[in-house]
Amino acid sequence: MLDNIDLELKLKALYVYTIVITIPFGLCILIIPDITVSIFGWPSQDPIVFGVTGSVYLAFGLLAILGFRSPKKFMPILLLQFFYKVAWFIGVVLPLLITGQFQVYGILYVVIFASYIIGDILVIPFSDLLAKE
């Protein structure tokens, strides 16, 4: 019973982290995209793709509110975040590092994404999720 409560508290912490980061970030991308690009020193962004990015971040944050209320039920949100961030590291960051094309403005993304990955690895009960029923 205590393990179950401990797991729920840890999951809730991940949901709060998602809410606090993704909702404001997604809203900034959607509402003030030019200012957001300027603040972070990013190159010009395609408005369609950048808008999709902001929408996805906002959706993760809003769904994390539901996850906070029902931590285990909404665990797929955390899994999706985990897998897309790992895929980003492997498919985007690693090739850019290997070719020497990684830009300084990407460091903030790397740090934030790495913190999510570490948190997911420490909290998500992968062994339970992958166990046969």
N, C-alpha and C. Protein backbone atom coordinates (compact mmCIF):
# COMPACT_ATOMS: atom_id res chain seq x y z
N MET A 1 0.82 -1.20 0.00
CA MET A 1 0.00 0.00 0.00
C MET A 1 0.86 1.26 0.00
N LEU A 2 1.91 1.26 0.83
CA LEU A 2 2.80 2.41 0.90
C LEU A 2 3.52 2.64 -0.42
N ASP A 3 3.92 1.54 -1.08
CA ASP A 3 4.57 1.66 -2.39
C ASP A 3 3.64 2.31 -3.41
N ASN A 4 2.36 1.95 -3.34
CA ASN A 4 1.37 2.50 -4.26
C ASN A 4 1.22 4.01 -4.05
N ILE A 5 1.18 4.44 -2.79
CA ILE A 5 1.07 5.87 -2.47
C ILE A 5 2.34 6.59 -2.90
N ASP A 6 3.49 5.98 -2.64
CA ASP A 6 4.78 6.56 -3.03
C ASP A 6 4.85 6.74 -4.55
N LEU A 7 4.42 5.73 -5.31
CA LEU A 7 4.40 5.81 -6.77
C LEU A 7 3.49 6.94 -7.23
N GLU A 8 2.31 7.04 -6.63
CA GLU A 8 1.39 8.10 -7.03
C GLU A 8 1.97 9.49 -6.77
N LEU A 9 2.66 9.66 -5.65
CA LEU A 9 3.28 10.96 -5.35
C LEU A 9 4.38 11.29 -6.36
N LYS A 10 5.17 10.28 -6.71
CA LYS A 10 6.24 10.50 -7.70
C LYS A 10 5.65 10.84 -9.07
N LEU A 11 4.60 10.11 -9.46
CA LEU A 11 3.95 10.40 -10.73
C LEU A 11 3.35 11.81 -10.72
N LYS A 12 2.74 12.18 -9.61
CA LYS A 12 2.16 13.52 -9.50
C LYS A 12 3.24 14.58 -9.65
N ALA A 13 4.43 14.33 -9.11
CA ALA A 13 5.53 15.28 -9.24
C ALA A 13 5.89 15.45 -10.72
N LEU A 14 5.91 14.35 -11.49
CA LEU A 14 6.19 14.46 -12.93
C LEU A 14 5.09 15.23 -13.65
N TYR A 15 3.85 15.01 -13.25
CA TYR A 15 2.75 15.75 -13.88
C TYR A 15 2.86 17.25 -13.57
N VAL A 16 3.19 17.58 -12.33
CA VAL A 16 3.35 19.00 -11.97
C VAL A 16 4.48 19.62 -12.80
N TYR A 17 5.58 18.91 -12.92
CA TYR A 17 6.71 19.41 -13.72
C TYR A 17 6.25 19.65 -15.17
N THR A 18 5.48 18.74 -15.70
CA THR A 18 4.96 18.89 -17.06
C THR A 18 4.03 20.10 -17.15
N ILE A 19 3.14 20.24 -16.19
CA ILE A 19 2.20 21.36 -16.19
C ILE A 19 2.95 22.69 -16.15
N VAL A 20 3.90 22.79 -15.23
CA VAL A 20 4.61 24.05 -15.00
C VAL A 20 5.46 24.47 -16.21
N ILE A 21 6.02 23.50 -16.92
CA ILE A 21 6.89 23.82 -18.05
C ILE A 21 6.09 23.94 -19.35
N THR A 22 5.24 22.97 -19.64
CA THR A 22 4.65 22.91 -20.98
C THR A 22 3.49 23.87 -21.23
N ILE A 23 2.67 24.13 -20.24
CA ILE A 23 1.54 25.04 -20.48
C ILE A 23 2.04 26.46 -20.80
N PRO A 24 2.90 27.05 -19.95
CA PRO A 24 3.38 28.40 -20.31
C PRO A 24 4.18 28.42 -21.62
N PHE A 25 5.01 27.40 -21.81
CA PHE A 25 5.83 27.34 -23.01
C PHE A 25 4.96 27.21 -24.26
N GLY A 26 3.99 26.31 -24.21
CA GLY A 26 3.08 26.12 -25.35
C GLY A 26 2.28 27.38 -25.63
N LEU A 27 1.78 28.04 -24.58
CA LEU A 27 1.03 29.28 -24.77
C LEU A 27 1.90 30.38 -25.38
N CYS A 28 3.15 30.48 -24.91
CA CYS A 28 4.06 31.50 -25.48
C CYS A 28 4.30 31.25 -26.96
N ILE A 29 4.50 30.00 -27.33
CA ILE A 29 4.72 29.67 -28.73
C ILE A 29 3.49 30.03 -29.57
N LEU A 30 2.31 29.77 -29.03
CA LEU A 30 1.08 30.02 -29.78
C LEU A 30 0.68 31.49 -29.80
N ILE A 31 0.86 32.19 -28.68
CA ILE A 31 0.36 33.56 -28.57
C ILE A 31 1.40 34.60 -28.98
N ILE A 32 2.65 34.38 -28.60
CA ILE A 32 3.70 35.36 -28.91
C ILE A 32 4.91 34.65 -29.53
N PRO A 33 4.71 34.02 -30.69
CA PRO A 33 5.79 33.22 -31.27
C PRO A 33 7.06 34.03 -31.57
N ASP A 34 6.92 35.24 -32.09
CA ASP A 34 8.11 36.03 -32.44
C ASP A 34 8.91 36.40 -31.20
N ILE A 35 8.23 36.75 -30.14
CA ILE A 35 8.92 37.08 -28.89
C ILE A 35 9.59 35.85 -28.31
N THR A 36 8.91 34.70 -28.35
CA THR A 36 9.47 33.45 -27.84
C THR A 36 10.75 33.10 -28.59
N VAL A 37 10.72 33.19 -29.91
CA VAL A 37 11.91 32.91 -30.72
C VAL A 37 13.03 33.87 -30.34
N SER A 38 12.70 35.13 -30.16
CA SER A 38 13.69 36.15 -29.82
C SER A 38 14.30 35.90 -28.44
N ILE A 39 13.47 35.58 -27.46
CA ILE A 39 13.94 35.35 -26.09
C ILE A 39 14.97 34.22 -26.05
N PHE A 40 14.70 33.14 -26.77
CA PHE A 40 15.57 31.98 -26.73
C PHE A 40 16.69 32.02 -27.77
N GLY A 41 16.69 33.04 -28.60
CA GLY A 41 17.75 33.17 -29.61
C GLY A 41 17.69 32.10 -30.68
N TRP A 42 16.48 31.63 -30.97
CA TRP A 42 16.31 30.61 -31.99
C TRP A 42 16.32 31.24 -33.37
N PRO A 43 16.65 30.46 -34.38
CA PRO A 43 16.50 30.97 -35.75
C PRO A 43 15.01 31.09 -36.08
N SER A 44 14.70 31.76 -37.16
CA SER A 44 13.30 31.89 -37.59
C SER A 44 12.65 30.53 -37.69
N GLN A 45 11.40 30.48 -37.29
CA GLN A 45 10.67 29.23 -37.27
C GLN A 45 9.55 29.26 -38.32
N ASP A 46 9.29 28.11 -38.92
CA ASP A 46 8.13 27.99 -39.79
C ASP A 46 6.89 28.10 -38.90
N PRO A 47 5.97 29.02 -39.18
CA PRO A 47 4.83 29.23 -38.27
C PRO A 47 3.93 28.01 -38.13
N ILE A 48 3.80 27.22 -39.17
CA ILE A 48 2.94 26.03 -39.08
C ILE A 48 3.57 24.99 -38.15
N VAL A 49 4.82 24.66 -38.39
CA VAL A 49 5.50 23.65 -37.57
C VAL A 49 5.67 24.15 -36.13
N PHE A 50 6.04 25.41 -35.98
CA PHE A 50 6.20 25.99 -34.65
C PHE A 50 4.87 25.98 -33.91
N GLY A 51 3.78 26.26 -34.62
CA GLY A 51 2.46 26.21 -34.02
C GLY A 51 2.08 24.81 -33.58
N VAL A 52 2.45 23.81 -34.36
CA VAL A 52 2.20 22.42 -33.97
C VAL A 52 2.96 22.11 -32.68
N THR A 53 4.20 22.55 -32.62
CA THR A 53 5.02 22.33 -31.43
C THR A 53 4.36 22.96 -30.20
N GLY A 54 3.93 24.20 -30.32
CA GLY A 54 3.26 24.87 -29.21
C GLY A 54 1.97 24.16 -28.81
N SER A 55 1.23 23.71 -29.80
CA SER A 55 -0.03 23.00 -29.52
C SER A 55 0.22 21.69 -28.78
N VAL A 56 1.25 20.98 -29.20
CA VAL A 56 1.58 19.70 -28.55
C VAL A 56 2.01 19.94 -27.11
N TYR A 57 2.87 20.95 -26.89
CA TYR A 57 3.29 21.24 -25.51
C TYR A 57 2.09 21.62 -24.65
N LEU A 58 1.22 22.46 -25.18
CA LEU A 58 0.03 22.86 -24.43
C LEU A 58 -0.85 21.64 -24.13
N ALA A 59 -1.02 20.76 -25.11
CA ALA A 59 -1.83 19.56 -24.90
C ALA A 59 -1.23 18.66 -23.82
N PHE A 60 0.10 18.49 -23.84
CA PHE A 60 0.75 17.70 -22.78
C PHE A 60 0.47 18.30 -21.41
N GLY A 61 0.58 19.61 -21.32
CA GLY A 61 0.35 20.28 -20.04
C GLY A 61 -1.08 20.12 -19.56
N LEU A 62 -2.03 20.30 -20.46
CA LEU A 62 -3.44 20.16 -20.08
C LEU A 62 -3.77 18.71 -19.70
N LEU A 63 -3.24 17.76 -20.44
CA LEU A 63 -3.46 16.35 -20.09
C LEU A 63 -2.79 15.98 -18.78
N ALA A 64 -1.67 16.64 -18.48
CA ALA A 64 -0.98 16.39 -17.21
C ALA A 64 -1.85 16.81 -16.02
N ILE A 65 -2.73 17.79 -16.23
CA ILE A 65 -3.66 18.17 -15.17
C ILE A 65 -4.56 16.98 -14.83
N LEU A 66 -5.02 16.28 -15.87
CA LEU A 66 -5.82 15.07 -15.64
C LEU A 66 -4.96 13.98 -15.00
N GLY A 67 -3.69 13.90 -15.43
CA GLY A 67 -2.78 12.92 -14.84
C GLY A 67 -2.53 13.18 -13.37
N PHE A 68 -2.50 14.43 -12.98
CA PHE A 68 -2.32 14.77 -11.58
C PHE A 68 -3.49 14.24 -10.75
N ARG A 69 -4.68 14.28 -11.34
CA ARG A 69 -5.87 13.80 -10.64
C ARG A 69 -5.92 12.27 -10.59
N SER A 70 -5.45 11.61 -11.65
CA SER A 70 -5.46 10.14 -11.74
C SER A 70 -4.10 9.68 -12.27
N PRO A 71 -3.08 9.65 -11.41
CA PRO A 71 -1.70 9.43 -11.86
C PRO A 71 -1.47 8.16 -12.69
N LYS A 72 -1.99 7.04 -12.25
CA LYS A 72 -1.73 5.79 -12.98
C LYS A 72 -2.52 5.72 -14.28
N LYS A 73 -3.72 6.20 -14.25
CA LYS A 73 -4.60 6.14 -15.43
C LYS A 73 -4.02 6.90 -16.61
N PHE A 74 -3.34 8.01 -16.35
CA PHE A 74 -2.82 8.85 -17.41
C PHE A 74 -1.32 8.67 -17.65
N MET A 75 -0.77 7.57 -17.15
CA MET A 75 0.65 7.29 -17.35
C MET A 75 1.08 7.25 -18.82
N PRO A 76 0.21 6.88 -19.76
CA PRO A 76 0.62 6.93 -21.17
C PRO A 76 1.12 8.31 -21.62
N ILE A 77 0.65 9.38 -20.98
CA ILE A 77 1.15 10.72 -21.30
C ILE A 77 2.64 10.78 -21.01
N LEU A 78 3.03 10.28 -19.84
CA LEU A 78 4.44 10.29 -19.46
C LEU A 78 5.26 9.39 -20.38
N LEU A 79 4.68 8.26 -20.76
CA LEU A 79 5.38 7.35 -21.67
C LEU A 79 5.60 8.00 -23.04
N LEU A 80 4.59 8.67 -23.55
CA LEU A 80 4.72 9.34 -24.84
C LEU A 80 5.81 10.41 -24.76
N GLN A 81 5.80 11.20 -23.69
CA GLN A 81 6.84 12.22 -23.52
C GLN A 81 8.22 11.57 -23.45
N PHE A 82 8.32 10.49 -22.72
CA PHE A 82 9.60 9.80 -22.58
C PHE A 82 10.11 9.33 -23.95
N PHE A 83 9.26 8.65 -24.70
CA PHE A 83 9.71 8.08 -25.97
C PHE A 83 9.99 9.13 -27.03
N TYR A 84 9.21 10.21 -27.08
CA TYR A 84 9.51 11.21 -28.11
C TYR A 84 10.79 11.97 -27.75
N LYS A 85 11.05 12.15 -26.48
CA LYS A 85 12.29 12.83 -26.09
C LYS A 85 13.51 11.95 -26.37
N VAL A 86 13.42 10.67 -26.08
CA VAL A 86 14.51 9.75 -26.40
C VAL A 86 14.73 9.72 -27.91
N ALA A 87 13.64 9.65 -28.68
CA ALA A 87 13.76 9.66 -30.14
C ALA A 87 14.42 10.94 -30.62
N TRP A 88 14.10 12.06 -30.00
CA TRP A 88 14.70 13.36 -30.37
C TRP A 88 16.20 13.34 -30.11
N PHE A 89 16.58 12.80 -28.97
CA PHE A 89 18.02 12.71 -28.68
C PHE A 89 18.74 11.86 -29.72
N ILE A 90 18.15 10.71 -30.04
CA ILE A 90 18.79 9.79 -30.98
C ILE A 90 18.73 10.31 -32.41
N GLY A 91 17.58 10.84 -32.82
CA GLY A 91 17.38 11.22 -34.22
C GLY A 91 17.80 12.64 -34.56
N VAL A 92 17.91 13.52 -33.56
CA VAL A 92 18.24 14.92 -33.85
C VAL A 92 19.55 15.33 -33.18
N VAL A 93 19.61 15.22 -31.86
CA VAL A 93 20.78 15.71 -31.13
C VAL A 93 22.04 14.92 -31.48
N LEU A 94 21.97 13.61 -31.43
CA LEU A 94 23.15 12.79 -31.71
C LEU A 94 23.74 13.06 -33.09
N PRO A 95 22.94 13.05 -34.16
CA PRO A 95 23.51 13.37 -35.48
C PRO A 95 24.12 14.78 -35.55
N LEU A 96 23.48 15.75 -34.90
CA LEU A 96 24.03 17.11 -34.91
C LEU A 96 25.35 17.18 -34.15
N LEU A 97 25.44 16.45 -33.06
CA LEU A 97 26.70 16.41 -32.31
C LEU A 97 27.80 15.73 -33.11
N ILE A 98 27.45 14.62 -33.75
CA ILE A 98 28.44 13.87 -34.54
C ILE A 98 28.98 14.70 -35.69
N THR A 99 28.10 15.46 -36.33
CA THR A 99 28.53 16.27 -37.48
C THR A 99 29.04 17.65 -37.08
N GLY A 100 29.03 17.95 -35.78
CA GLY A 100 29.50 19.25 -35.31
C GLY A 100 28.57 20.40 -35.64
N GLN A 101 27.29 20.11 -35.85
CA GLN A 101 26.34 21.15 -36.23
C GLN A 101 25.38 21.55 -35.11
N PHE A 102 25.60 21.00 -33.92
CA PHE A 102 24.72 21.34 -32.80
C PHE A 102 24.92 22.80 -32.42
N GLN A 103 23.82 23.53 -32.30
CA GLN A 103 23.87 24.96 -32.01
C GLN A 103 23.67 25.22 -30.51
N VAL A 104 24.27 26.28 -30.02
CA VAL A 104 24.22 26.63 -28.60
C VAL A 104 22.79 26.80 -28.10
N TYR A 105 21.90 27.34 -28.93
CA TYR A 105 20.53 27.56 -28.49
C TYR A 105 19.81 26.26 -28.16
N GLY A 106 20.34 25.12 -28.59
CA GLY A 106 19.73 23.82 -28.29
C GLY A 106 20.05 23.29 -26.91
N ILE A 107 20.98 23.92 -26.22
CA ILE A 107 21.40 23.41 -24.91
C ILE A 107 20.24 23.42 -23.91
N LEU A 108 19.45 24.47 -23.92
CA LEU A 108 18.31 24.54 -22.99
C LEU A 108 17.35 23.37 -23.23
N TYR A 109 17.06 23.09 -24.49
CA TYR A 109 16.21 21.94 -24.82
C TYR A 109 16.83 20.65 -24.29
N VAL A 110 18.11 20.46 -24.52
CA VAL A 110 18.79 19.24 -24.08
C VAL A 110 18.66 19.08 -22.57
N VAL A 111 18.89 20.15 -21.84
CA VAL A 111 18.82 20.08 -20.38
C VAL A 111 17.41 19.74 -19.91
N ILE A 112 16.43 20.45 -20.46
CA ILE A 112 15.04 20.20 -20.05
C ILE A 112 14.59 18.79 -20.45
N PHE A 113 14.86 18.40 -21.68
CA PHE A 113 14.46 17.07 -22.12
C PHE A 113 15.16 15.98 -21.32
N ALA A 114 16.44 16.18 -21.03
CA ALA A 114 17.18 15.19 -20.23
C ALA A 114 16.58 15.07 -18.83
N SER A 115 16.15 16.20 -18.26
CA SER A 115 15.55 16.14 -16.92
C SER A 115 14.24 15.34 -16.95
N TYR A 116 13.47 15.48 -18.01
CA TYR A 116 12.25 14.68 -18.14
C TYR A 116 12.58 13.19 -18.29
N ILE A 117 13.55 12.89 -19.13
CA ILE A 117 13.93 11.49 -19.35
C ILE A 117 14.39 10.85 -18.05
N ILE A 118 15.24 11.54 -17.32
CA ILE A 118 15.74 11.01 -16.04
C ILE A 118 14.58 10.81 -15.07
N GLY A 119 13.71 11.81 -14.98
CA GLY A 119 12.55 11.68 -14.09
C GLY A 119 11.67 10.51 -14.48
N ASP A 120 11.43 10.36 -15.77
CA ASP A 120 10.61 9.23 -16.25
C ASP A 120 11.25 7.89 -15.91
N ILE A 121 12.55 7.78 -16.13
CA ILE A 121 13.25 6.52 -15.84
C ILE A 121 13.16 6.19 -14.36
N LEU A 122 13.28 7.21 -13.51
CA LEU A 122 13.26 6.98 -12.07
C LEU A 122 11.86 6.68 -11.53
N VAL A 123 10.82 7.18 -12.19
CA VAL A 123 9.48 7.09 -11.61
C VAL A 123 8.56 6.09 -12.31
N ILE A 124 8.55 6.08 -13.62
CA ILE A 124 7.61 5.20 -14.33
C ILE A 124 7.94 3.74 -14.04
N PRO A 125 6.96 2.97 -13.60
CA PRO A 125 7.22 1.55 -13.29
C PRO A 125 7.24 0.70 -14.58
N PHE A 126 8.33 0.81 -15.33
CA PHE A 126 8.44 0.11 -16.61
C PHE A 126 8.26 -1.38 -16.45
N SER A 127 8.79 -1.98 -15.38
CA SER A 127 8.67 -3.42 -15.20
C SER A 127 7.20 -3.84 -15.07
N ASP A 128 6.41 -3.03 -14.37
CA ASP A 128 4.97 -3.32 -14.25
C ASP A 128 4.26 -3.14 -15.59
N LEU A 129 4.63 -2.10 -16.31
CA LEU A 129 3.99 -1.82 -17.59
C LEU A 129 4.29 -2.88 -18.63
N LEU A 130 5.50 -3.42 -18.58
CA LEU A 130 5.92 -4.40 -19.57
C LEU A 130 5.63 -5.84 -19.17
N ALA A 131 5.15 -6.05 -17.94
CA ALA A 131 4.85 -7.39 -17.47
C ALA A 131 3.62 -7.94 -18.19
N LYS A 132 3.64 -9.25 -18.41
CA LYS A 132 2.49 -9.90 -19.04
C LYS A 132 1.36 -9.97 -18.02
N GLU A 133 0.15 -9.80 -18.53
CA GLU A 133 -1.02 -9.89 -17.63
C GLU A 133 -1.49 -11.31 -17.53
